[in-house]
Amino acid sequence: MAGVLLMTVSMIVVPAIYWVHRERRETERRQIAIVEVENLMERVVSLPFDEVQQSTVDKFALSETAIRQLPDASLQITVRDAADVKQMKKIRIQLGWKNQQEIKAMPVRLTSWVSPKEQE
């Protein structure tokens, strides 16, 4: 009787522990991706306005930590002139990766707009 009870409990607990571990790992990956995208955006918006161009951001790459922690990571940075506002540029950064089941995870996206800094 005790053996049956122990086996029943283990059949419930072991998958739950595995699920918690998997979710924790995915949460850690998402946090790494968020920090990576934030850091990249900070680098882009700190550039002089004239240098905020697609050719400049195409040279940006992921950090070694992000490459190691995010399987099959894909980074996309786009810079476009804001269509509705003159003298503004729209920057969009998207970072995707695959989860443990080799399925693409929901990517992390960040969008910002920059304009020329006022001269004092």
PDB file of N, CA and C in Angstrom:
ATOM      1  N   MET A   1       0.824  -1.201   0.000  1.00  0.00           N
ATOM      2  CA  MET A   1       0.000   0.000   0.000  1.00  0.00           C
ATOM      3  C   MET A   1       0.864   1.261   0.000  1.00  0.00           C
ATOM      4  N   ALA A   2       1.889   1.260   0.842  1.00  0.00           N
ATOM      5  CA  ALA A   2       2.781   2.415   0.929  1.00  0.00           C
ATOM      6  C   ALA A   2       3.517   2.609  -0.396  1.00  0.00           C
ATOM      7  N   GLY A   3       3.914   1.508  -1.026  1.00  0.00           N
ATOM      8  CA  GLY A   3       4.613   1.587  -2.306  1.00  0.00           C
ATOM      9  C   GLY A   3       3.740   2.195  -3.384  1.00  0.00           C
ATOM     10  N   VAL A   4       2.469   1.814  -3.434  1.00  0.00           N
ATOM     11  CA  VAL A   4       1.536   2.356  -4.423  1.00  0.00           C
ATOM     12  C   VAL A   4       1.338   3.848  -4.180  1.00  0.00           C
ATOM     13  N   LEU A   5       1.198   4.213  -2.918  1.00  0.00           N
ATOM     14  CA  LEU A   5       1.021   5.623  -2.567  1.00  0.00           C
ATOM     15  C   LEU A   5       2.262   6.432  -2.945  1.00  0.00           C
ATOM     16  N   LEU A   6       3.446   5.883  -2.644  1.00  0.00           N
ATOM     17  CA  LEU A   6       4.688   6.565  -2.979  1.00  0.00           C
ATOM     18  C   LEU A   6       4.841   6.706  -4.487  1.00  0.00           C
ATOM     19  N   MET A   7       4.500   5.684  -5.236  1.00  0.00           N
ATOM     20  CA  MET A   7       4.606   5.741  -6.689  1.00  0.00           C
ATOM     21  C   MET A   7       3.620   6.761  -7.267  1.00  0.00           C
ATOM     22  N   THR A   8       2.441   6.835  -6.723  1.00  0.00           N
ATOM     23  CA  THR A   8       1.447   7.792  -7.192  1.00  0.00           C
ATOM     24  C   THR A   8       1.919   9.229  -6.950  1.00  0.00           C
ATOM     25  N   VAL A   9       2.448   9.471  -5.764  1.00  0.00           N
ATOM     26  CA  VAL A   9       2.947  10.807  -5.435  1.00  0.00           C
ATOM     27  C   VAL A   9       4.124  11.165  -6.345  1.00  0.00           C
ATOM     28  N   SER A  10       5.024  10.209  -6.591  1.00  0.00           N
ATOM     29  CA  SER A  10       6.178  10.496  -7.438  1.00  0.00           C
ATOM     30  C   SER A  10       5.753  10.748  -8.885  1.00  0.00           C
ATOM     31  N   MET A  11       4.694  10.107  -9.344  1.00  0.00           N
ATOM     32  CA  MET A  11       4.193  10.338 -10.697  1.00  0.00           C
ATOM     33  C   MET A  11       3.634  11.749 -10.853  1.00  0.00           C
ATOM     34  N   ILE A  12       3.220  12.345  -9.768  1.00  0.00           N
ATOM     35  CA  ILE A  12       2.700  13.712  -9.800  1.00  0.00           C
ATOM     36  C   ILE A  12       3.821  14.729  -9.580  1.00  0.00           C
ATOM     37  N   VAL A  13       4.715  14.441  -8.649  1.00  0.00           N
ATOM     38  CA  VAL A  13       5.737  15.401  -8.256  1.00  0.00           C
ATOM     39  C   VAL A  13       6.848  15.536  -9.303  1.00  0.00           C
ATOM     40  N   VAL A  14       7.315  14.438  -9.879  1.00  0.00           N
ATOM     41  CA  VAL A  14       8.434  14.503 -10.825  1.00  0.00           C
ATOM     42  C   VAL A  14       8.096  15.362 -12.041  1.00  0.00           C
ATOM     43  N   PRO A  15       6.953  15.188 -12.712  1.00  0.00           N
ATOM     44  CA  PRO A  15       6.639  16.091 -13.833  1.00  0.00           C
ATOM     45  C   PRO A  15       6.490  17.554 -13.394  1.00  0.00           C
ATOM     46  N   ALA A  16       5.973  17.762 -12.197  1.00  0.00           N
ATOM     47  CA  ALA A  16       5.821  19.132 -11.704  1.00  0.00           C
ATOM     48  C   ALA A  16       7.183  19.789 -11.495  1.00  0.00           C
ATOM     49  N   ILE A  17       8.130  19.034 -10.967  1.00  0.00           N
ATOM     50  CA  ILE A  17       9.480  19.565 -10.763  1.00  0.00           C
ATOM     51  C   ILE A  17      10.120  19.881 -12.116  1.00  0.00           C
ATOM     52  N   TYR A  18       9.961  18.999 -13.086  1.00  0.00           N
ATOM     53  CA  TYR A  18      10.502  19.230 -14.422  1.00  0.00           C
ATOM     54  C   TYR A  18       9.876  20.477 -15.044  1.00  0.00           C
ATOM     55  N   TRP A  19       8.564  20.638 -14.899  1.00  0.00           N
ATOM     56  CA  TRP A  19       7.871  21.808 -15.454  1.00  0.00           C
ATOM     57  C   TRP A  19       8.392  23.098 -14.816  1.00  0.00           C
ATOM     58  N   VAL A  20       8.570  23.093 -13.493  1.00  0.00           N
ATOM     59  CA  VAL A  20       9.076  24.276 -12.792  1.00  0.00           C
ATOM     60  C   VAL A  20      10.481  24.612 -13.280  1.00  0.00           C
ATOM     61  N   HIS A  21      11.320  23.594 -13.433  1.00  0.00           N
ATOM     62  CA  HIS A  21      12.683  23.816 -13.918  1.00  0.00           C
ATOM     63  C   HIS A  21      12.667  24.414 -15.328  1.00  0.00           C
ATOM     64  N   ARG A  22      11.843  23.883 -16.203  1.00  0.00           N
ATOM     65  CA  ARG A  22      11.752  24.375 -17.580  1.00  0.00           C
ATOM     66  C   ARG A  22      11.261  25.819 -17.617  1.00  0.00           C
ATOM     67  N   GLU A  23      10.251  26.133 -16.846  1.00  0.00           N
ATOM     68  CA  GLU A  23       9.724  27.503 -16.798  1.00  0.00           C
ATOM     69  C   GLU A  23      10.749  28.481 -16.232  1.00  0.00           C
ATOM     70  N   ARG A  24      11.479  28.035 -15.224  1.00  0.00           N
ATOM     71  CA  ARG A  24      12.515  28.892 -14.644  1.00  0.00           C
ATOM     72  C   ARG A  24      13.596  29.185 -15.678  1.00  0.00           C
ATOM     73  N   ARG A  25      13.989  28.191 -16.428  1.00  0.00           N
ATOM     74  CA  ARG A  25      15.013  28.361 -17.465  1.00  0.00           C
ATOM     75  C   ARG A  25      14.533  29.336 -18.544  1.00  0.00           C
ATOM     76  N   GLU A  26      13.290  29.212 -18.962  1.00  0.00           N
ATOM     77  CA  GLU A  26      12.750  30.124 -19.975  1.00  0.00           C
ATOM     78  C   GLU A  26      12.643  31.550 -19.439  1.00  0.00           C
ATOM     79  N   THR A  27      12.314  31.692 -18.174  1.00  0.00           N
ATOM     80  CA  THR A  27      12.258  33.023 -17.563  1.00  0.00           C
ATOM     81  C   THR A  27      13.648  33.652 -17.526  1.00  0.00           C
ATOM     82  N   GLU A  28      14.651  32.858 -17.190  1.00  0.00           N
ATOM     83  CA  GLU A  28      16.027  33.359 -17.193  1.00  0.00           C
ATOM     84  C   GLU A  28      16.438  33.797 -18.600  1.00  0.00           C
ATOM     85  N   ARG A  29      16.087  33.014 -19.601  1.00  0.00           N
ATOM     86  CA  ARG A  29      16.423  33.370 -20.983  1.00  0.00           C
ATOM     87  C   ARG A  29      15.732  34.666 -21.393  1.00  0.00           C
ATOM     88  N   ARG A  30      14.471  34.824 -21.015  1.00  0.00           N
ATOM     89  CA  ARG A  30      13.745  36.044 -21.358  1.00  0.00           C
ATOM     90  C   ARG A  30      14.395  37.250 -20.677  1.00  0.00           C
ATOM     91  N   GLN A  31      14.827  37.109 -19.437  1.00  0.00           N
ATOM     92  CA  GLN A  31      15.489  38.205 -18.735  1.00  0.00           C
ATOM     93  C   GLN A  31      16.803  38.577 -19.414  1.00  0.00           C
ATOM     94  N   ILE A  32      17.561  37.570 -19.854  1.00  0.00           N
ATOM     95  CA  ILE A  32      18.809  37.834 -20.574  1.00  0.00           C
ATOM     96  C   ILE A  32      18.510  38.591 -21.863  1.00  0.00           C
ATOM     97  N   ALA A  33      17.473  38.171 -22.575  1.00  0.00           N
ATOM     98  CA  ALA A  33      17.100  38.827 -23.834  1.00  0.00           C
ATOM     99  C   ALA A  33      16.660  40.270 -23.594  1.00  0.00           C
ATOM    100  N   ILE A  34      15.901  40.506 -22.555  1.00  0.00           N
ATOM    101  CA  ILE A  34      15.444  41.870 -22.248  1.00  0.00           C
ATOM    102  C   ILE A  34      16.630  42.779 -21.965  1.00  0.00           C
ATOM    103  N   VAL A  35      17.552  42.326 -21.148  1.00  0.00           N
ATOM    104  CA  VAL A  35      18.738  43.134 -20.827  1.00  0.00           C
ATOM    105  C   VAL A  35      19.562  43.386 -22.084  1.00  0.00           C
ATOM    106  N   GLU A  36      19.717  42.361 -22.926  1.00  0.00           N
ATOM    107  CA  GLU A  36      20.492  42.509 -24.161  1.00  0.00           C
ATOM    108  C   GLU A  36      19.859  43.553 -25.084  1.00  0.00           C
ATOM    109  N   VAL A  37      18.550  43.493 -25.251  1.00  0.00           N
ATOM    110  CA  VAL A  37      17.853  44.448 -26.123  1.00  0.00           C
ATOM    111  C   VAL A  37      17.931  45.864 -25.541  1.00  0.00           C
ATOM    112  N   GLU A  38      17.778  45.987 -24.241  1.00  0.00           N
ATOM    113  CA  GLU A  38      17.895  47.302 -23.603  1.00  0.00           C
ATOM    114  C   GLU A  38      19.289  47.894 -23.814  1.00  0.00           C
ATOM    115  N   ASN A  39      20.327  47.073 -23.652  1.00  0.00           N
ATOM    116  CA  ASN A  39      21.691  47.554 -23.835  1.00  0.00           C
ATOM    117  C   ASN A  39      21.942  47.971 -25.284  1.00  0.00           C
ATOM    118  N   LEU A  40      21.456  47.193 -26.218  1.00  0.00           N
ATOM    119  CA  LEU A  40      21.619  47.547 -27.628  1.00  0.00           C
ATOM    120  C   LEU A  40      20.889  48.848 -27.958  1.00  0.00           C
ATOM    121  N   MET A  41      19.684  49.010 -27.433  1.00  0.00           N
ATOM    122  CA  MET A  41      18.928  50.236 -27.690  1.00  0.00           C
ATOM    123  C   MET A  41      19.654  51.438 -27.095  1.00  0.00           C
ATOM    124  N   GLU A  42      20.219  51.265 -25.931  1.00  0.00           N
ATOM    125  CA  GLU A  42      20.964  52.369 -25.316  1.00  0.00           C
ATOM    126  C   GLU A  42      22.158  52.760 -26.187  1.00  0.00           C
ATOM    127  N   ARG A  43      22.825  51.773 -26.769  1.00  0.00           N
ATOM    128  CA  ARG A  43      23.950  52.065 -27.666  1.00  0.00           C
ATOM    129  C   ARG A  43      23.485  52.828 -28.902  1.00  0.00           C
ATOM    130  N   VAL A  44      22.352  52.431 -29.458  1.00  0.00           N
ATOM    131  CA  VAL A  44      21.858  53.076 -30.679  1.00  0.00           C
ATOM    132  C   VAL A  44      21.430  54.509 -30.400  1.00  0.00           C
ATOM    133  N   VAL A  45      20.634  54.732 -29.374  1.00  0.00           N
ATOM    134  CA  VAL A  45      20.119  56.086 -29.129  1.00  0.00           C
ATOM    135  C   VAL A  45      21.204  57.037 -28.629  1.00  0.00           C
ATOM    136  N   SER A  46      22.332  56.501 -28.161  1.00  0.00           N
ATOM    137  CA  SER A  46      23.414  57.382 -27.719  1.00  0.00           C
ATOM    138  C   SER A  46      24.286  57.853 -28.889  1.00  0.00           C
ATOM    139  N   LEU A  47      24.069  57.272 -30.063  1.00  0.00           N
ATOM    140  CA  LEU A  47      24.817  57.710 -31.243  1.00  0.00           C
ATOM    141  C   LEU A  47      24.375  59.118 -31.649  1.00  0.00           C
ATOM    142  N   PRO A  48      25.279  59.879 -32.282  1.00  0.00           N
ATOM    143  CA  PRO A  48      24.836  61.160 -32.859  1.00  0.00           C
ATOM    144  C   PRO A  48      23.731  60.886 -33.896  1.00  0.00           C
ATOM    145  N   PHE A  49      22.807  61.813 -34.010  1.00  0.00           N
ATOM    146  CA  PHE A  49      21.627  61.599 -34.866  1.00  0.00           C
ATOM    147  C   PHE A  49      22.006  61.191 -36.289  1.00  0.00           C
ATOM    148  N   ASP A  50      23.023  61.814 -36.857  1.00  0.00           N
ATOM    149  CA  ASP A  50      23.430  61.513 -38.237  1.00  0.00           C
ATOM    150  C   ASP A  50      23.978  60.095 -38.385  1.00  0.00           C
ATOM    151  N   GLU A  51      24.449  59.494 -37.291  1.00  0.00           N
ATOM    152  CA  GLU A  51      25.005  58.145 -37.353  1.00  0.00           C
ATOM    153  C   GLU A  51      23.967  57.061 -37.093  1.00  0.00           C
ATOM    154  N   VAL A  52      22.767  57.459 -36.724  1.00  0.00           N
ATOM    155  CA  VAL A  52      21.699  56.475 -36.500  1.00  0.00           C
ATOM    156  C   VAL A  52      21.171  56.071 -37.870  1.00  0.00           C
ATOM    157  N   GLN A  53      21.826  55.079 -38.435  1.00  0.00           N
ATOM    158  CA  GLN A  53      21.499  54.592 -39.778  1.00  0.00           C
ATOM    159  C   GLN A  53      21.548  53.074 -39.776  1.00  0.00           C
ATOM    160  N   GLN A  54      20.886  52.482 -40.767  1.00  0.00           N
ATOM    161  CA  GLN A  54      20.870  51.030 -40.867  1.00  0.00           C
ATOM    162  C   GLN A  54      22.279  50.461 -41.012  1.00  0.00           C
ATOM    163  N   SER A  55      23.114  51.117 -41.800  1.00  0.00           N
ATOM    164  CA  SER A  55      24.474  50.614 -42.010  1.00  0.00           C
ATOM    165  C   SER A  55      25.291  50.605 -40.712  1.00  0.00           C
ATOM    166  N   THR A  56      25.010  51.525 -39.813  1.00  0.00           N
ATOM    167  CA  THR A  56      25.721  51.575 -38.530  1.00  0.00           C
ATOM    168  C   THR A  56      25.262  50.453 -37.615  1.00  0.00           C
ATOM    169  N   VAL A  57      23.947  50.276 -37.481  1.00  0.00           N
ATOM    170  CA  VAL A  57      23.438  49.263 -36.545  1.00  0.00           C
ATOM    171  C   VAL A  57      23.613  47.843 -37.073  1.00  0.00           C
ATOM    172  N   ASP A  58      23.811  47.691 -38.369  1.00  0.00           N
ATOM    173  CA  ASP A  58      24.071  46.353 -38.915  1.00  0.00           C
ATOM    174  C   ASP A  58      25.370  45.774 -38.367  1.00  0.00           C
ATOM    175  N   LYS A  59      26.245  46.616 -37.863  1.00  0.00           N
ATOM    176  CA  LYS A  59      27.517  46.168 -37.298  1.00  0.00           C
ATOM    177  C   LYS A  59      27.380  45.716 -35.845  1.00  0.00           C
ATOM    178  N   PHE A  60      26.254  46.014 -35.209  1.00  0.00           N
ATOM    179  CA  PHE A  60      26.050  45.621 -33.815  1.00  0.00           C
ATOM    180  C   PHE A  60      25.821  44.116 -33.743  1.00  0.00           C
ATOM    181  N   ALA A  61      26.319  43.506 -32.679  1.00  0.00           N
ATOM    182  CA  ALA A  61      26.174  42.060 -32.505  1.00  0.00           C
ATOM    183  C   ALA A  61      25.782  41.756 -31.065  1.00  0.00           C
ATOM    184  N   LEU A  62      25.314  40.545 -30.861  1.00  0.00           N
ATOM    185  CA  LEU A  62      24.953  40.093 -29.524  1.00  0.00           C
ATOM    186  C   LEU A  62      26.196  39.881 -28.677  1.00  0.00           C
ATOM    187  N   SER A  63      26.029  40.026 -27.372  1.00  0.00           N
ATOM    188  CA  SER A  63      27.142  39.756 -26.455  1.00  0.00           C
ATOM    189  C   SER A  63      27.390  38.253 -26.390  1.00  0.00           C
ATOM    190  N   GLU A  64      28.557  37.886 -25.903  1.00  0.00           N
ATOM    191  CA  GLU A  64      28.898  36.459 -25.762  1.00  0.00           C
ATOM    192  C   GLU A  64      27.931  35.764 -24.810  1.00  0.00           C
ATOM    193  N   THR A  65      27.519  36.449 -23.764  1.00  0.00           N
ATOM    194  CA  THR A  65      26.567  35.865 -22.809  1.00  0.00           C
ATOM    195  C   THR A  65      25.257  35.532 -23.500  1.00  0.00           C
ATOM    196  N   ALA A  66      24.753  36.445 -24.288  1.00  0.00           N
ATOM    197  CA  ALA A  66      23.486  36.202 -24.979  1.00  0.00           C
ATOM    198  C   ALA A  66      23.626  35.059 -25.978  1.00  0.00           C
ATOM    199  N   ILE A  67      24.720  35.010 -26.688  1.00  0.00           N
ATOM    200  CA  ILE A  67      24.935  33.932 -27.658  1.00  0.00           C
ATOM    201  C   ILE A  67      24.975  32.584 -26.950  1.00  0.00           C
ATOM    202  N   ARG A  68      25.643  32.545 -25.800  1.00  0.00           N
ATOM    203  CA  ARG A  68      25.749  31.302 -25.034  1.00  0.00           C
ATOM    204  C   ARG A  68      24.414  30.869 -24.427  1.00  0.00           C
ATOM    205  N   GLN A  69      23.637  31.819 -23.943  1.00  0.00           N
ATOM    206  CA  GLN A  69      22.429  31.503 -23.182  1.00  0.00           C
ATOM    207  C   GLN A  69      21.166  31.379 -24.033  1.00  0.00           C
ATOM    208  N   LEU A  70      21.170  31.960 -25.226  1.00  0.00           N
ATOM    209  CA  LEU A  70      19.974  31.945 -26.065  1.00  0.00           C
ATOM    210  C   LEU A  70      20.223  31.087 -27.302  1.00  0.00           C
ATOM    211  N   PRO A  71      19.715  29.861 -27.301  1.00  0.00           N
ATOM    212  CA  PRO A  71      19.972  28.967 -28.432  1.00  0.00           C
ATOM    213  C   PRO A  71      19.397  29.509 -29.739  1.00  0.00           C
ATOM    214  N   ASP A  72      20.206  29.465 -30.778  1.00  0.00           N
ATOM    215  CA  ASP A  72      19.783  29.872 -32.115  1.00  0.00           C
ATOM    216  C   ASP A  72      19.221  31.302 -32.104  1.00  0.00           C
ATOM    217  N   ALA A  73      19.929  32.200 -31.414  1.00  0.00           N
ATOM    218  CA  ALA A  73      19.468  33.588 -31.273  1.00  0.00           C
ATOM    219  C   ALA A  73      19.505  34.317 -32.614  1.00  0.00           C
ATOM    220  N   SER A  74      18.491  35.150 -32.831  1.00  0.00           N
ATOM    221  CA  SER A  74      18.439  35.962 -34.054  1.00  0.00           C
ATOM    222  C   SER A  74      18.129  37.406 -33.666  1.00  0.00           C
ATOM    223  N   LEU A  75      19.009  38.305 -34.093  1.00  0.00           N
ATOM    224  CA  LEU A  75      18.894  39.726 -33.769  1.00  0.00           C
ATOM    225  C   LEU A  75      18.519  40.498 -35.017  1.00  0.00           C
ATOM    226  N   GLN A  76      17.530  41.383 -34.883  1.00  0.00           N
ATOM    227  CA  GLN A  76      17.139  42.267 -35.974  1.00  0.00           C
ATOM    228  C   GLN A  76      17.053  43.687 -35.428  1.00  0.00           C
ATOM    229  N   ILE A  77      17.797  44.586 -36.053  1.00  0.00           N
ATOM    230  CA  ILE A  77      17.729  46.005 -35.701  1.00  0.00           C
ATOM    231  C   ILE A  77      17.392  46.753 -36.977  1.00  0.00           C
ATOM    232  N   THR A  78      16.326  47.556 -36.915  1.00  0.00           N
ATOM    233  CA  THR A  78      15.940  48.349 -38.080  1.00  0.00           C
ATOM    234  C   THR A  78      15.876  49.826 -37.696  1.00  0.00           C
ATOM    235  N   VAL A  79      16.325  50.643 -38.625  1.00  0.00           N
ATOM    236  CA  VAL A  79      16.260  52.098 -38.458  1.00  0.00           C
ATOM    237  C   VAL A  79      15.521  52.643 -39.669  1.00  0.00           C
ATOM    238  N   ARG A  80      14.467  53.408 -39.398  1.00  0.00           N
ATOM    239  CA  ARG A  80      13.689  54.017 -40.479  1.00  0.00           C
ATOM    240  C   ARG A  80      13.356  55.454 -40.098  1.00  0.00           C
ATOM    241  N   ASP A  81      13.214  56.272 -41.114  1.00  0.00           N
ATOM    242  CA  ASP A  81      12.716  57.623 -40.857  1.00  0.00           C
ATOM    243  C   ASP A  81      11.258  57.510 -40.439  1.00  0.00           C
ATOM    244  N   ALA A  82      10.877  58.254 -39.414  1.00  0.00           N
ATOM    245  CA  ALA A  82       9.489  58.249 -38.967  1.00  0.00           C
ATOM    246  C   ALA A  82       8.649  58.920 -40.049  1.00  0.00           C
ATOM    247  N   ALA A  83       7.670  58.213 -40.585  1.00  0.00           N
ATOM    248  CA  ALA A  83       6.884  58.706 -41.714  1.00  0.00           C
ATOM    249  C   ALA A  83       6.039  59.922 -41.344  1.00  0.00           C
ATOM    250  N   ASP A  84       5.515  59.950 -40.137  1.00  0.00           N
ATOM    251  CA  ASP A  84       4.589  61.009 -39.762  1.00  0.00           C
ATOM    252  C   ASP A  84       5.238  62.186 -39.033  1.00  0.00           C
ATOM    253  N   VAL A  85       6.509  62.068 -38.660  1.00  0.00           N
ATOM    254  CA  VAL A  85       7.182  63.148 -37.930  1.00  0.00           C
ATOM    255  C   VAL A  85       8.508  63.451 -38.624  1.00  0.00           C
ATOM    256  N   LYS A  86       8.682  64.700 -38.975  1.00  0.00           N
ATOM    257  CA  LYS A  86       9.916  65.114 -39.649  1.00  0.00           C
ATOM    258  C   LYS A  86      11.075  65.134 -38.648  1.00  0.00           C
ATOM    259  N   GLN A  87      12.260  64.796 -39.117  1.00  0.00           N
ATOM    260  CA  GLN A  87      13.476  64.802 -38.309  1.00  0.00           C
ATOM    261  C   GLN A  87      13.415  63.836 -37.125  1.00  0.00           C
ATOM    262  N   MET A  88      12.786  62.678 -37.331  1.00  0.00           N
ATOM    263  CA  MET A  88      12.769  61.632 -36.306  1.00  0.00           C
ATOM    264  C   MET A  88      13.088  60.309 -36.978  1.00  0.00           C
ATOM    265  N   LYS A  89      13.727  59.434 -36.216  1.00  0.00           N
ATOM    266  CA  LYS A  89      14.022  58.096 -36.708  1.00  0.00           C
ATOM    267  C   LYS A  89      13.439  57.078 -35.737  1.00  0.00           C
ATOM    268  N   LYS A  90      12.882  56.034 -36.321  1.00  0.00           N
ATOM    269  CA  LYS A  90      12.294  54.957 -35.527  1.00  0.00           C
ATOM    270  C   LYS A  90      13.273  53.787 -35.497  1.00  0.00           C
ATOM    271  N   ILE A  91      13.585  53.326 -34.298  1.00  0.00           N
ATOM    272  CA  ILE A  91      14.513  52.215 -34.119  1.00  0.00           C
ATOM    273  C   ILE A  91      13.729  51.057 -33.513  1.00  0.00           C
ATOM    274  N   ARG A  92      13.877  49.898 -34.138  1.00  0.00           N
ATOM    275  CA  ARG A  92      13.198  48.706 -33.617  1.00  0.00           C
ATOM    276  C   ARG A  92      14.218  47.589 -33.482  1.00  0.00           C
ATOM    277  N   ILE A  93      14.271  47.001 -32.294  1.00  0.00           N
ATOM    278  CA  ILE A  93      15.174  45.881 -32.027  1.00  0.00           C
ATOM    279  C   ILE A  93      14.326  44.680 -31.642  1.00  0.00           C
ATOM    280  N   GLN A  94      14.630  43.547 -32.258  1.00  0.00           N
ATOM    281  CA  GLN A  94      13.924  42.304 -31.950  1.00  0.00           C
ATOM    282  C   GLN A  94      14.955  41.199 -31.763  1.00  0.00           C
ATOM    283  N   LEU A  95      14.794  40.444 -30.680  1.00  0.00           N
ATOM    284  CA  LEU A  95      15.694  39.336 -30.382  1.00  0.00           C
ATOM    285  C   LEU A  95      14.852  38.086 -30.155  1.00  0.00           C
ATOM    286  N   GLY A  96      15.112  37.070 -30.956  1.00  0.00           N
ATOM    287  CA  GLY A  96      14.406  35.805 -30.825  1.00  0.00           C
ATOM    288  C   GLY A  96      15.377  34.669 -30.561  1.00  0.00           C
ATOM    289  N   TRP A  97      14.857  33.549 -30.108  1.00  0.00           N
ATOM    290  CA  TRP A  97      15.655  32.355 -29.828  1.00  0.00           C
ATOM    291  C   TRP A  97      14.727  31.154 -29.783  1.00  0.00           C
ATOM    292  N   LYS A  98      15.295  29.969 -29.656  1.00  0.00           N
ATOM    293  CA  LYS A  98      14.492  28.753 -29.562  1.00  0.00           C
ATOM    294  C   LYS A  98      14.499  28.250 -28.125  1.00  0.00           C
ATOM    295  N   ASN A  99      13.370  27.703 -27.702  1.00  0.00           N
ATOM    296  CA  ASN A  99      13.285  27.157 -26.349  1.00  0.00           C
ATOM    297  C   ASN A  99      13.820  25.723 -26.319  1.00  0.00           C
ATOM    298  N   GLN A 100      13.654  25.042 -25.197  1.00  0.00           N
ATOM    299  CA  GLN A 100      14.205  23.693 -25.044  1.00  0.00           C
ATOM    300  C   GLN A 100      13.559  22.683 -25.982  1.00  0.00           C
ATOM    301  N   GLN A 101      12.369  22.951 -26.452  1.00  0.00           N
ATOM    302  CA  GLN A 101      11.695  22.041 -27.382  1.00  0.00           C
ATOM    303  C   GLN A 101      12.020  22.387 -28.837  1.00  0.00           C
ATOM    304  N   GLU A 102      13.017  23.266 -29.038  1.00  0.00           N
ATOM    305  CA  GLU A 102      13.414  23.700 -30.377  1.00  0.00           C
ATOM    306  C   GLU A 102      12.299  24.454 -31.108  1.00  0.00           C
ATOM    307  N   ILE A 103      11.438  25.109 -30.336  1.00  0.00           N
ATOM    308  CA  ILE A 103      10.362  25.936 -30.886  1.00  0.00           C
ATOM    309  C   ILE A 103      10.745  27.386 -30.630  1.00  0.00           C
ATOM    310  N   LYS A 104      10.498  28.239 -31.622  1.00  0.00           N
ATOM    311  CA  LYS A 104      10.831  29.652 -31.443  1.00  0.00           C
ATOM    312  C   LYS A 104      10.039  30.238 -30.276  1.00  0.00           C
ATOM    313  N   ALA A 105      10.768  30.852 -29.355  1.00  0.00           N
ATOM    314  CA  ALA A 105      10.138  31.523 -28.224  1.00  0.00           C
ATOM    315  C   ALA A 105       9.605  32.874 -28.697  1.00  0.00           C
ATOM    316  N   MET A 106       8.674  33.427 -27.943  1.00  0.00           N
ATOM    317  CA  MET A 106       8.156  34.755 -28.259  1.00  0.00           C
ATOM    318  C   MET A 106       9.308  35.752 -28.163  1.00  0.00           C
ATOM    319  N   PRO A 107       9.598  36.486 -29.241  1.00  0.00           N
ATOM    320  CA  PRO A 107      10.754  37.387 -29.214  1.00  0.00           C
ATOM    321  C   PRO A 107      10.541  38.586 -28.299  1.00  0.00           C
ATOM    322  N   VAL A 108      11.659  39.181 -27.920  1.00  0.00           N
ATOM    323  CA  VAL A 108      11.641  40.416 -27.150  1.00  0.00           C
ATOM    324  C   VAL A 108      11.811  41.554 -28.150  1.00  0.00           C
ATOM    325  N   ARG A 109      10.931  42.552 -28.069  1.00  0.00           N
ATOM    326  CA  ARG A 109      10.974  43.685 -28.993  1.00  0.00           C
ATOM    327  C   ARG A 109      11.015  44.985 -28.198  1.00  0.00           C
ATOM    328  N   LEU A 110      11.752  45.940 -28.757  1.00  0.00           N
ATOM    329  CA  LEU A 110      11.822  47.267 -28.158  1.00  0.00           C
ATOM    330  C   LEU A 110      11.883  48.287 -29.285  1.00  0.00           C
ATOM    331  N   THR A 111      11.063  49.324 -29.178  1.00  0.00           N
ATOM    332  CA  THR A 111      11.009  50.371 -30.192  1.00  0.00           C
ATOM    333  C   THR A 111      11.262  51.712 -29.533  1.00  0.00           C
ATOM    334  N   SER A 112      12.013  52.562 -30.214  1.00  0.00           N
ATOM    335  CA  SER A 112      12.285  53.900 -29.714  1.00  0.00           C
ATOM    336  C   SER A 112      12.370  54.864 -30.889  1.00  0.00           C
ATOM    337  N   TRP A 113      12.194  56.128 -30.604  1.00  0.00           N
ATOM    338  CA  TRP A 113      12.325  57.176 -31.619  1.00  0.00           C
ATOM    339  C   TRP A 113      13.401  58.140 -31.145  1.00  0.00           C
ATOM    340  N   VAL A 114      14.193  58.628 -32.097  1.00  0.00           N
ATOM    341  CA  VAL A 114      15.219  59.612 -31.751  1.00  0.00           C
ATOM    342  C   VAL A 114      15.067  60.817 -32.663  1.00  0.00           C
ATOM    343  N   SER A 115      15.498  61.939 -32.158  1.00  0.00           N
ATOM    344  CA  SER A 115      15.490  63.172 -32.941  1.00  0.00           C
ATOM    345  C   SER A 115      16.814  63.882 -32.691  1.00  0.00           C
ATOM    346  N   PRO A 116      17.142  64.856 -33.523  1.00  0.00           N
ATOM    347  CA  PRO A 116      18.400  65.593 -33.292  1.00  0.00           C
ATOM    348  C   PRO A 116      18.349  66.296 -31.953  1.00  0.00           C
ATOM    349  N   LYS A 117      19.481  66.303 -31.283  1.00  0.00           N
ATOM    350  CA  LYS A 117      19.551  67.009 -29.993  1.00  0.00           C
ATOM    351  C   LYS A 117      19.620  68.507 -30.262  1.00  0.00           C
ATOM    352  N   GLU A 118      18.972  69.260 -29.393  1.00  0.00           N
ATOM    353  CA  GLU A 118      18.976  70.716 -29.537  1.00  0.00           C
ATOM    354  C   GLU A 118      20.353  71.263 -29.193  1.00  0.00           C
ATOM    355  N   GLN A 119      20.798  72.226 -29.982  1.00  0.00           N
ATOM    356  CA  GLN A 119      22.083  72.876 -29.734  1.00  0.00           C
ATOM    357  C   GLN A 119      21.893  73.963 -28.676  1.00  0.00           C
ATOM    358  N   GLU A 120      22.805  74.002 -27.748  1.00  0.00           N
ATOM    359  CA  GLU A 120      22.702  75.034 -26.691  1.00  0.00           C
ATOM    360  C   GLU A 120      23.591  76.195 -26.988  1.00  0.00           C
TER     361      GLU A 120
END
